[in-house]
N, C-alpha and C. Protein backbone atom coordinates (compact mmCIF):
# COMPACT_ATOMS: atom_id res chain seq x y z
N MET A 1 126.54 94.58 42.00
CA MET A 1 125.09 94.34 41.23
C MET A 1 124.72 95.39 40.76
N LEU A 2 124.25 96.09 41.91
CA LEU A 2 123.03 97.33 41.54
C LEU A 2 123.93 98.61 40.64
N GLN A 3 125.53 98.73 40.66
CA GLN A 3 126.00 99.75 40.21
C GLN A 3 126.25 99.40 38.63
N SER A 4 126.32 97.81 38.36
CA SER A 4 126.26 97.47 36.75
C SER A 4 125.22 97.65 36.27
N LEU A 5 124.02 97.48 37.07
CA LEU A 5 122.43 97.74 36.38
C LEU A 5 122.32 99.52 36.14
N VAL A 6 122.67 100.31 36.78
CA VAL A 6 122.71 101.35 36.73
C VAL A 6 123.26 102.24 35.32
N ASP A 7 124.64 101.28 35.18
CA ASP A 7 125.87 101.46 34.60
C ASP A 7 125.29 101.27 32.83
N VAL A 8 124.08 100.00 33.11
CA VAL A 8 123.85 99.67 32.03
C VAL A 8 122.59 100.82 31.53
N VAL A 9 121.97 100.66 32.52
CA VAL A 9 120.25 101.21 32.23
C VAL A 9 121.00 102.71 32.82
N SER A 10 121.38 103.54 31.58
CA SER A 10 121.96 104.58 32.02
C SER A 10 121.46 106.18 31.60
N GLY A 11 121.70 107.28 31.00
CA GLY A 11 120.59 108.65 30.94
C GLY A 11 120.92 108.33 29.24
N SER A 12 121.77 107.25 27.88
CA SER A 12 122.27 107.39 27.39
C SER A 12 120.53 107.11 26.80
N PRO A 13 120.53 107.78 25.43
CA PRO A 13 119.17 107.24 24.53
C PRO A 13 119.17 105.87 24.10
N TRP A 14 120.63 105.01 23.92
CA TRP A 14 120.36 103.43 23.55
C TRP A 14 119.73 103.21 24.75
N THR A 15 119.51 103.47 25.88
CA THR A 15 118.94 102.92 27.32
C THR A 15 117.31 102.45 27.25
N TYR A 16 116.28 103.11 26.28
CA TYR A 16 114.85 102.31 25.74
C TYR A 16 115.70 101.25 25.44
N LEU A 17 116.47 101.32 24.16
CA LEU A 17 116.55 100.05 23.66
C LEU A 17 116.97 98.76 24.49
N ALA A 18 118.02 99.00 25.26
CA ALA A 18 118.51 98.21 26.25
C ALA A 18 117.21 98.19 26.95
N ILE A 19 116.27 98.56 27.87
CA ILE A 19 115.33 98.25 28.42
C ILE A 19 114.52 97.09 27.49
N PHE A 20 114.35 97.91 26.15
CA PHE A 20 113.12 97.18 25.36
C PHE A 20 113.73 95.02 25.80
N GLY A 21 114.84 95.37 25.42
CA GLY A 21 115.68 93.85 24.95
C GLY A 21 115.71 93.25 26.05
N ILE A 22 115.68 93.89 27.40
CA ILE A 22 115.78 93.23 28.28
C ILE A 22 114.59 92.41 28.90
N ALA A 23 113.77 93.58 28.59
CA ALA A 23 111.98 92.72 29.08
C ALA A 23 111.76 91.87 28.16
N ALA A 24 112.13 92.03 26.82
CA ALA A 24 111.81 91.03 25.78
C ALA A 24 112.35 89.80 26.13
N LEU A 25 113.74 89.45 26.47
CA LEU A 25 114.53 88.68 27.05
C LEU A 25 113.94 88.17 28.01
N ASP A 26 113.76 88.52 29.08
CA ASP A 26 113.54 88.17 30.08
C ASP A 26 112.27 87.35 30.28
N ALA A 27 111.10 87.67 29.32
CA ALA A 27 109.93 86.71 29.27
C ALA A 27 110.33 85.62 28.80
N VAL A 28 111.39 84.70 27.60
CA VAL A 28 112.12 83.53 27.20
C VAL A 28 112.64 82.89 28.16
N LEU A 29 113.95 83.99 28.67
CA LEU A 29 114.97 83.61 30.07
C LEU A 29 114.72 83.97 30.56
N PRO A 30 113.81 83.70 31.82
CA PRO A 30 113.69 84.44 32.80
C PRO A 30 115.11 84.51 34.09
N ILE A 31 116.20 84.31 34.02
CA ILE A 31 117.42 84.57 34.24
C ILE A 31 117.69 86.27 34.02
N VAL A 32 116.81 87.27 33.25
CA VAL A 32 117.14 88.45 32.64
C VAL A 32 116.61 89.31 33.94
N PRO A 33 117.53 90.25 34.29
CA PRO A 33 116.45 91.25 35.35
C PRO A 33 116.01 92.37 35.09
N SER A 34 114.51 92.33 34.22
CA SER A 34 113.56 92.87 33.57
C SER A 34 113.17 94.18 34.76
N GLU A 35 112.87 93.41 35.62
CA GLU A 35 112.08 93.90 37.05
C GLU A 35 113.04 95.18 37.42
N ALA A 36 113.99 94.51 37.18
CA ALA A 36 115.80 95.67 38.30
C ALA A 36 115.41 96.77 37.10
N ALA A 37 116.02 95.95 35.85
CA ALA A 37 116.04 97.24 35.20
C ALA A 37 115.32 98.29 34.70
N VAL A 38 113.90 97.79 34.49
CA VAL A 38 112.94 98.85 34.51
C VAL A 38 112.52 99.92 35.61
N ILE A 39 112.79 98.85 37.09
CA ILE A 39 112.90 100.38 38.12
C ILE A 39 114.00 101.06 38.64
N THR A 40 115.31 100.59 38.02
CA THR A 40 116.61 101.43 38.07
C THR A 40 116.03 102.55 36.99
N ALA A 41 115.34 102.44 36.04
CA ALA A 41 115.32 103.34 34.89
C ALA A 41 114.15 104.50 35.53
N GLY A 42 113.15 103.78 36.23
CA GLY A 42 112.55 104.71 36.64
C GLY A 42 113.27 105.84 37.97
N VAL A 43 113.88 105.51 38.38
CA VAL A 43 114.94 106.23 39.44
C VAL A 43 115.64 107.26 38.73
N LEU A 44 116.25 106.74 37.18
CA LEU A 44 116.78 107.70 36.91
C LEU A 44 115.81 108.32 36.66
N ALA A 45 114.69 108.19 35.84
CA ALA A 45 113.79 109.13 35.03
C ALA A 45 113.13 110.34 35.78
N ALA A 46 113.23 109.84 37.49
CA ALA A 46 113.34 111.02 38.61
C ALA A 46 114.59 111.98 38.58
N ASP A 47 115.45 111.34 38.31
CA ASP A 47 117.08 112.48 38.09
C ASP A 47 116.69 113.27 37.11
N GLY A 48 116.01 112.66 36.18
CA GLY A 48 115.86 113.76 35.09
C GLY A 48 116.98 113.15 33.83
N ASP A 49 117.33 112.08 34.21
CA ASP A 49 118.12 111.42 32.94
C ASP A 49 117.48 110.75 31.70
N LEU A 50 116.00 110.02 32.33
CA LEU A 50 115.33 109.80 31.24
C LEU A 50 114.13 110.23 31.50
N LEU A 51 113.22 109.74 30.08
CA LEU A 51 111.54 110.31 30.14
C LEU A 51 110.71 109.43 30.63
N VAL A 52 110.29 109.26 31.85
CA VAL A 52 109.35 108.04 32.14
C VAL A 52 108.71 107.45 31.27
N VAL A 53 108.02 108.14 30.25
CA VAL A 53 106.81 107.79 29.23
C VAL A 53 107.76 106.79 28.29
N LEU A 54 108.64 107.18 28.34
CA LEU A 54 109.47 106.17 26.95
C LEU A 54 110.29 105.07 27.57
N VAL A 55 110.27 105.04 29.09
CA VAL A 55 110.70 104.05 30.03
C VAL A 55 109.76 102.75 29.95
N ILE A 56 108.24 103.55 29.99
CA ILE A 56 107.44 102.41 29.73
C ILE A 56 106.99 102.28 28.82
N VAL A 57 106.92 102.88 27.70
CA VAL A 57 106.71 102.15 26.15
C VAL A 57 107.47 101.32 25.45
N ALA A 58 109.09 101.45 26.18
CA ALA A 58 110.33 100.29 25.95
C ALA A 58 110.11 99.04 26.86
N ALA A 59 109.33 99.21 28.09
CA ALA A 59 109.65 97.83 28.51
C ALA A 59 108.31 97.29 28.17
N ALA A 60 106.95 97.94 28.39
CA ALA A 60 105.68 97.39 27.54
C ALA A 60 106.24 96.66 26.02
N ALA A 61 106.80 97.55 25.48
CA ALA A 61 106.57 96.90 24.38
C ALA A 61 107.78 95.45 23.98
N GLY A 62 108.62 95.47 25.25
CA GLY A 62 109.54 94.52 24.83
C GLY A 62 109.01 93.26 25.59
N ALA A 63 108.22 93.61 26.94
CA ALA A 63 107.32 92.46 27.40
C ALA A 63 106.42 91.64 26.58
N ILE A 64 105.65 92.35 26.04
CA ILE A 64 104.41 92.11 24.77
C ILE A 64 105.23 91.03 24.13
N LEU A 65 106.14 91.62 23.41
CA LEU A 65 107.12 90.75 22.34
C LEU A 65 107.52 89.57 22.70
N GLY A 66 108.40 89.49 24.16
CA GLY A 66 109.21 88.69 24.63
C GLY A 66 107.75 87.70 24.88
N ASP A 67 106.71 87.97 25.98
CA ASP A 67 105.68 86.89 25.79
C ASP A 67 104.92 86.34 24.63
N ASN A 68 105.19 86.71 23.51
CA ASN A 68 104.74 86.14 22.68
C ASN A 68 105.56 84.95 21.58
N CYS A 69 106.96 85.85 21.80
CA CYS A 69 107.72 84.85 21.76
C CYS A 69 107.88 83.34 22.51
N SER A 70 107.54 83.57 23.69
CA SER A 70 107.53 82.38 24.39
C SER A 70 106.64 81.78 23.90
N TYR A 71 105.13 82.42 23.77
CA TYR A 71 104.34 81.32 23.23
C TYR A 71 104.63 80.80 22.12
N LEU A 72 105.22 81.51 21.18
CA LEU A 72 105.60 81.14 19.89
C LEU A 72 106.51 79.71 19.96
N VAL A 73 107.05 79.58 20.86
CA VAL A 73 108.06 78.51 20.95
C VAL A 73 107.47 77.15 21.54
N GLY A 74 106.77 77.51 22.89
CA GLY A 74 105.64 76.32 23.18
C GLY A 74 104.79 75.64 22.31
N HIS A 75 104.41 76.94 20.90
CA HIS A 75 103.32 76.20 19.94
C HIS A 75 104.26 75.51 19.12
N LEU A 76 105.75 76.24 19.03
CA LEU A 76 106.13 74.92 17.70
C LEU A 76 106.61 73.97 18.39
N VAL A 77 107.19 74.02 20.05
CA VAL A 77 107.90 72.36 20.17
C VAL A 77 106.13 71.92 20.63
N GLY A 78 104.98 72.38 20.75
CA GLY A 78 103.94 71.99 20.64
C GLY A 78 103.26 70.33 21.43
N ARG A 79 102.26 70.01 21.81
CA ARG A 79 101.60 69.31 22.49
C ARG A 79 102.87 67.75 22.57
N ARG A 80 102.76 67.37 21.32
CA ARG A 80 103.36 66.24 21.19
C ARG A 80 104.91 66.15 21.86
N THR A 81 105.49 66.91 21.52
CA THR A 81 106.67 67.09 22.20
C THR A 81 106.63 67.30 24.03
N SER A 82 105.79 68.12 24.40
CA SER A 82 105.41 68.16 25.83
C SER A 82 105.93 67.02 26.27
N ARG A 83 104.35 65.93 25.11
CA ARG A 83 104.41 64.53 26.18
C ARG A 83 105.06 63.47 25.95
N ARG A 84 106.29 64.14 25.35
CA ARG A 84 107.41 63.14 25.37
C ARG A 84 108.67 63.81 26.83
N LEU A 85 108.50 64.92 26.64
CA LEU A 85 108.70 65.50 27.61
C LEU A 85 108.47 64.91 29.11
N LEU A 86 106.91 65.33 29.25
CA LEU A 86 106.70 65.13 30.07
C LEU A 86 105.86 63.70 30.51
N ARG A 87 106.66 62.94 30.38
CA ARG A 87 106.12 61.32 30.33
C ARG A 87 105.25 60.94 31.55
N GLY A 88 104.65 60.14 31.49
CA GLY A 88 104.01 59.48 32.55
C GLY A 88 102.62 59.68 33.17
N GLU A 89 101.83 59.61 34.32
CA GLU A 89 101.03 59.68 34.50
C GLU A 89 100.93 61.39 35.17
N ARG A 90 101.86 61.85 36.39
CA ARG A 90 102.15 62.70 36.54
C ARG A 90 102.19 63.76 35.26
N GLY A 91 103.27 63.66 34.63
CA GLY A 91 103.42 64.81 33.28
C GLY A 91 102.07 64.87 32.58
N ARG A 92 101.12 63.56 32.44
CA ARG A 92 99.95 63.93 31.58
C ARG A 92 98.94 65.11 32.76
N ARG A 93 98.88 64.32 33.66
CA ARG A 93 98.18 65.56 34.43
C ARG A 93 98.05 67.05 34.84
N SER A 94 99.46 67.03 34.69
CA SER A 94 100.08 68.54 35.00
C SER A 94 99.99 69.44 33.29
N LEU A 95 99.96 68.50 32.15
CA LEU A 95 99.38 69.46 31.74
C LEU A 95 98.26 69.58 31.11
N GLU A 96 97.45 67.98 31.33
CA GLU A 96 95.84 68.75 31.56
C GLU A 96 95.38 69.46 32.20
N TRP A 97 96.11 69.44 33.33
CA TRP A 97 95.18 70.90 34.11
C TRP A 97 95.96 72.19 34.15
N ALA A 98 97.44 72.28 33.67
CA ALA A 98 97.44 73.53 32.36
C ALA A 98 96.11 73.88 31.96
N GLU A 99 96.10 73.05 30.60
CA GLU A 99 95.05 72.81 29.99
C GLU A 99 93.89 74.07 30.80
N ARG A 100 93.09 73.11 31.53
CA ARG A 100 91.98 73.49 32.39
C ARG A 100 92.17 75.06 32.58
N THR A 101 93.02 75.31 32.97
CA THR A 101 93.52 76.40 34.16
C THR A 101 93.10 77.53 33.34
N LEU A 102 93.85 77.34 31.76
CA LEU A 102 94.61 78.36 30.95
C LEU A 102 92.57 78.33 30.40
N ARG A 103 91.79 77.55 30.17
CA ARG A 103 90.79 77.95 29.35
C ARG A 103 89.65 78.31 30.09
N ARG A 104 90.03 78.29 31.43
CA ARG A 104 89.13 78.99 32.70
C ARG A 104 89.15 80.01 33.20
N ARG A 105 90.82 80.30 33.53
CA ARG A 105 90.80 81.71 33.84
C ARG A 105 91.93 82.25 32.94
N GLY A 106 92.15 82.17 31.95
CA GLY A 106 93.55 82.02 31.20
C GLY A 106 93.87 83.52 30.92
N GLY A 107 92.75 84.86 31.12
CA GLY A 107 93.24 86.34 30.89
C GLY A 107 93.56 86.58 32.05
N LEU A 108 93.40 86.01 33.57
CA LEU A 108 93.82 86.60 34.46
C LEU A 108 95.05 85.96 34.68
N LEU A 109 95.07 84.72 34.33
CA LEU A 109 96.49 83.96 34.69
C LEU A 109 97.69 84.98 34.14
N ILE A 110 97.57 84.70 33.09
CA ILE A 110 98.49 85.82 31.85
C ILE A 110 99.01 86.74 32.62
N VAL A 111 98.17 87.68 33.01
CA VAL A 111 98.05 89.51 33.19
C VAL A 111 98.89 88.97 34.88
N LEU A 112 98.25 88.31 35.59
CA LEU A 112 99.37 88.15 36.77
C LEU A 112 100.58 87.14 36.85
N ALA A 113 100.79 86.49 35.98
CA ALA A 113 101.87 85.65 35.60
C ALA A 113 102.95 86.95 35.55
N ARG A 114 102.53 87.92 34.77
CA ARG A 114 103.78 89.00 34.24
C ARG A 114 104.30 89.56 35.71
N PHE A 115 103.97 89.32 36.67
CA PHE A 115 103.96 89.99 37.80
C PHE A 115 105.59 88.71 38.72
N ILE A 116 105.29 87.43 38.46
CA ILE A 116 106.44 86.82 38.52
C ILE A 116 107.40 86.23 37.48
N PRO A 117 108.30 86.15 38.35
CA PRO A 117 109.53 86.32 37.16
C PRO A 117 108.97 85.23 36.81
N MET A 118 109.55 84.12 36.71
CA MET A 118 109.44 82.55 36.42
C MET A 118 107.98 82.28 36.18
N GLY A 119 107.39 82.73 36.84
CA GLY A 119 105.63 82.20 35.94
C GLY A 119 105.31 82.67 34.81
N ARG A 120 105.85 83.80 34.71
CA ARG A 120 105.51 84.76 33.14
C ARG A 120 105.79 83.65 32.16
N THR A 121 107.21 83.01 32.11
CA THR A 121 107.89 82.27 30.98
C THR A 121 106.88 80.80 31.07
N ALA A 122 106.54 80.18 32.30
CA ALA A 122 106.02 78.46 32.13
C ALA A 122 104.51 79.42 31.66
N THR A 123 103.67 80.59 32.27
CA THR A 123 102.19 80.31 31.72
C THR A 123 102.50 80.84 30.19
N THR A 124 103.32 81.56 29.61
CA THR A 124 103.10 81.96 28.05
C THR A 124 103.49 80.45 27.08
N LEU A 125 104.42 79.89 27.96
CA LEU A 125 105.31 78.58 27.54
C LEU A 125 103.83 77.85 27.23
N THR A 126 103.52 77.42 28.10
CA THR A 126 102.26 76.55 28.07
C THR A 126 101.10 76.88 27.14
N ALA A 127 100.81 78.17 27.30
CA ALA A 127 99.59 78.79 26.26
C ALA A 127 99.94 78.36 25.16
N GLY A 128 101.49 78.36 24.80
CA GLY A 128 101.74 78.21 23.13
C GLY A 128 101.94 76.39 22.93
N VAL A 129 101.33 75.86 24.37
CA VAL A 129 101.64 74.36 24.39
C VAL A 129 100.69 73.60 23.73
N VAL A 130 99.54 74.44 24.41
CA VAL A 130 98.59 73.95 25.17
C VAL A 130 97.34 74.58 24.09
N ASP A 131 98.25 75.18 22.90
CA ASP A 131 97.28 76.16 21.79
C ASP A 131 95.88 76.83 22.18
N TYR A 132 96.66 77.49 23.67
CA TYR A 132 95.88 78.56 24.06
C TYR A 132 95.51 80.09 22.95
N PRO A 133 94.37 79.90 22.27
CA PRO A 133 93.91 80.78 21.52
C PRO A 133 94.82 82.07 21.28
N TRP A 134 95.71 82.33 20.42
CA TRP A 134 96.78 83.57 20.12
C TRP A 134 95.48 84.83 19.79
N ARG A 135 95.42 85.14 18.93
CA ARG A 135 95.13 86.68 18.44
C ARG A 135 93.59 87.22 19.42
N PRO A 136 92.66 86.13 19.93
CA PRO A 136 91.62 86.77 20.48
C PRO A 136 91.60 86.54 21.88
N ARG A 137 92.84 85.98 22.48
CA ARG A 137 93.03 85.83 24.04
C ARG A 137 94.26 85.68 24.38
N PHE A 138 95.21 85.17 23.74
CA PHE A 138 96.52 85.51 24.57
C PHE A 138 97.08 86.84 23.78
N LEU A 139 97.11 87.35 22.78
CA LEU A 139 97.61 88.35 22.48
C LEU A 139 97.02 89.57 23.41
N PRO A 140 95.79 89.70 23.49
CA PRO A 140 95.33 91.13 24.39
C PRO A 140 95.73 90.90 25.40
N PHE A 141 95.53 89.69 26.41
CA PHE A 141 95.57 89.74 27.70
C PHE A 141 97.07 90.16 28.11
N ALA A 142 98.24 89.04 27.04
CA ALA A 142 99.45 89.93 27.06
C ALA A 142 100.18 91.10 26.81
N ALA A 143 99.25 91.79 26.15
CA ALA A 143 99.65 93.63 26.00
C ALA A 143 98.87 94.07 27.11
N LEU A 144 97.73 93.94 27.51
CA LEU A 144 97.53 94.39 28.72
C LEU A 144 98.77 94.09 30.15
N GLY A 145 98.90 92.90 30.52
CA GLY A 145 99.83 92.50 31.12
C GLY A 145 101.23 93.36 31.01
N GLY A 146 101.74 93.18 30.15
CA GLY A 146 102.99 93.60 29.86
C GLY A 146 102.77 95.70 29.95
N ILE A 147 101.47 95.96 29.62
CA ILE A 147 101.02 97.14 29.97
C ILE A 147 101.36 97.75 31.70
N VAL A 148 100.61 96.77 32.24
CA VAL A 148 100.60 97.39 33.41
C VAL A 148 101.53 97.24 34.07
N TRP A 149 102.72 95.83 33.95
CA TRP A 149 103.75 95.89 34.57
C TRP A 149 105.28 96.82 34.26
N ALA A 150 104.77 97.30 33.03
CA ALA A 150 105.83 98.31 32.89
C ALA A 150 105.54 99.55 33.55
N THR A 151 104.16 99.98 33.42
CA THR A 151 103.62 101.21 34.25
C THR A 151 104.24 100.99 35.82
N TYR A 152 103.58 100.18 35.90
CA TYR A 152 103.59 99.59 37.55
C TYR A 152 105.58 99.85 38.16
N SER A 153 105.90 99.04 37.41
CA SER A 153 107.77 98.80 37.47
C SER A 153 108.33 100.49 37.33
N ALA A 154 108.24 100.87 36.33
CA ALA A 154 108.56 102.10 35.89
C ALA A 154 108.37 103.24 36.61
N LEU A 155 107.13 103.37 37.46
CA LEU A 155 106.29 104.21 38.16
C LEU A 155 107.09 104.44 39.50
N LEU A 156 107.10 102.65 40.15
CA LEU A 156 107.62 102.40 41.09
C LEU A 156 109.34 103.08 41.61
N GLY A 157 109.88 102.68 40.56
CA GLY A 157 110.97 103.28 40.68
C GLY A 157 110.78 105.09 40.86
N PHE A 158 110.13 105.67 39.85
CA PHE A 158 110.27 107.19 39.44
C PHE A 158 109.65 107.52 41.07
N PHE A 159 108.90 106.73 41.75
CA PHE A 159 108.30 107.82 42.47
C PHE A 159 109.18 107.32 43.71
N GLY A 160 109.79 106.32 43.85
CA GLY A 160 111.02 106.17 44.70
C GLY A 160 111.71 107.48 44.83
N GLY A 161 112.46 107.12 43.31
CA GLY A 161 113.31 108.33 42.85
C GLY A 161 113.44 109.68 43.64
N HIS A 162 112.04 110.00 43.11
CA HIS A 162 111.41 111.61 43.83
C HIS A 162 111.56 111.46 44.92
N THR A 163 110.95 110.15 46.25
CA THR A 163 110.54 110.33 47.26
C THR A 163 112.47 110.67 47.95
N PHE A 164 113.45 109.79 47.38
CA PHE A 164 114.71 109.62 48.36
C PHE A 164 115.37 110.37 46.99
N GLU A 165 115.12 111.73 46.65
CA GLU A 165 115.59 112.77 46.00
C GLU A 165 117.18 112.59 45.73
N ASP A 166 117.91 113.20 47.07
CA ASP A 166 118.76 112.84 47.33
C ASP A 166 119.91 111.84 47.93
N GLN A 167 119.00 110.81 48.02
CA GLN A 167 119.72 109.54 47.87
C GLN A 167 118.93 108.59 47.42
N PRO A 168 119.14 108.56 45.89
CA PRO A 168 118.59 107.53 44.99
C PRO A 168 118.23 106.18 45.30
N TRP A 169 119.53 105.86 45.80
CA TRP A 169 119.71 104.16 46.42
C TRP A 169 118.66 103.94 47.37
N TYR A 170 118.21 104.78 47.91
CA TYR A 170 117.25 104.49 49.31
C TYR A 170 116.14 104.16 48.21
N GLY A 171 116.07 104.78 47.24
CA GLY A 171 114.25 104.98 46.40
C GLY A 171 114.55 103.69 45.56
N LEU A 172 115.68 103.42 45.05
CA LEU A 172 115.52 101.63 44.74
C LEU A 172 115.58 100.93 44.88
N LEU A 173 115.85 100.50 46.36
CA LEU A 173 115.97 99.82 47.37
C LEU A 173 114.26 99.46 47.57
N LEU A 174 113.87 100.61 47.95
CA LEU A 174 112.38 100.69 48.23
C LEU A 174 111.56 100.27 47.63
N ALA A 175 111.81 100.37 46.30
CA ALA A 175 110.60 99.93 44.69
C ALA A 175 111.37 98.60 44.76
N PHE A 176 112.42 98.26 44.77
CA PHE A 176 112.32 96.48 44.74
C PHE A 176 111.66 95.73 46.00
N GLY A 177 111.91 96.12 46.95
CA GLY A 177 111.60 95.56 48.03
C GLY A 177 109.69 95.52 48.06
N ILE A 178 109.09 96.86 47.31
CA ILE A 178 107.85 96.63 47.22
C ILE A 178 107.40 95.70 46.23
N ALA A 179 108.34 95.89 45.13
CA ALA A 179 108.30 94.97 44.11
C ALA A 179 107.90 93.47 44.31
N ALA A 180 109.31 92.84 44.84
CA ALA A 180 109.11 91.96 45.65
C ALA A 180 107.93 91.23 46.66
N GLY A 181 107.43 92.35 47.25
CA GLY A 181 106.16 92.50 48.24
C GLY A 181 105.10 91.64 47.43
N VAL A 182 105.08 92.47 46.18
CA VAL A 182 104.07 92.31 45.19
C VAL A 182 104.10 90.53 44.37
N ALA A 183 105.07 90.79 44.21
CA ALA A 183 105.47 89.19 43.55
C ALA A 183 105.11 88.13 44.72
N LEU A 184 105.52 88.42 45.75
CA LEU A 184 105.25 87.47 46.81
C LEU A 184 103.87 87.20 47.48
N LEU A 185 103.18 88.43 47.13
CA LEU A 185 101.69 88.32 47.02
C LEU A 185 100.65 87.60 46.42
N VAL A 186 101.08 88.11 44.78
CA VAL A 186 100.33 87.29 44.07
C VAL A 186 100.53 85.79 44.12
N GLU A 187 101.94 85.57 44.08
CA GLU A 187 102.34 83.80 44.43
C GLU A 187 101.52 83.28 45.49
N LEU A 188 101.48 83.60 46.42
CA LEU A 188 100.49 83.73 48.23
C LEU A 188 98.94 83.23 47.52
N GLY A 189 98.21 84.37 46.63
CA GLY A 189 97.26 84.22 46.00
C GLY A 189 97.02 82.97 45.62
N ARG A 190 98.14 82.95 44.38
CA ARG A 190 97.71 81.57 43.87
C ARG A 190 98.12 80.60 44.04
N ARG A 191 98.86 80.51 45.01
CA ARG A 191 98.73 79.11 45.86
C ARG A 191 97.53 79.13 46.82
N ILE A 192 96.91 79.49 47.28
CA ILE A 192 95.99 80.12 48.07
C ILE A 192 94.71 79.83 47.25
N ARG A 193 94.99 80.13 46.13
CA ARG A 193 93.55 79.83 44.97
C ARG A 193 93.42 78.18 44.70
N GLU A 194 94.75 77.73 44.21
CA GLU A 194 94.96 76.34 44.41
C GLU A 194 94.55 75.28 45.07
N GLN A 195 94.77 75.67 46.60
CA GLN A 195 94.88 75.06 47.44
C GLN A 195 92.68 74.67 47.36
N THR A 196 92.32 75.95 47.62
CA THR A 196 90.63 75.91 47.63
C THR A 196 89.73 75.04 46.31
N ALA A 197 90.44 75.29 45.40
CA ALA A 197 90.02 74.49 44.08
C ALA A 197 89.75 73.22 44.23
N SER A 198 91.19 72.79 44.86
CA SER A 198 91.27 70.92 44.87
C SER A 198 90.42 70.27 45.77
């Protein structure tokens, strides 16, 4: 799997477009490995095959576009359709909880959710469903989250690639390990916060 990812994220100028597309698609379909693609591109940038600044720009632009597309899907599906899908008392409570949480801590939630692969899709989709204000709130936080995520992922691969210059696979594995650890810590922090708020 790693070799096929390296083949996709090669030293070609088209790679930046591929990174953009993967990051955008991952926000809507969380089965696409955007973190892996950006980290791998960072490792290749450390090797001189890509420019790390362009990797960050492509990944951030794709992430921002993808998050906004996910928001739009949620907005178009709307509260009415989601109520039909989330039938019953539990579904109604879940939707109300999501709306309250977004109103209270929406900005922080949108930024942190960017680091949780399926969490980013759930958060952005829900923001659209509950009509979280797009321009004054969602857009700036989605942009901030996309930029921070892209910078973090690309630099993680870049510095991992520099550290293990002779064996870039070690750098790639280390970067993946750190990324997974950060995602787990964010998710753990979210769960602890939820339990203490209940």
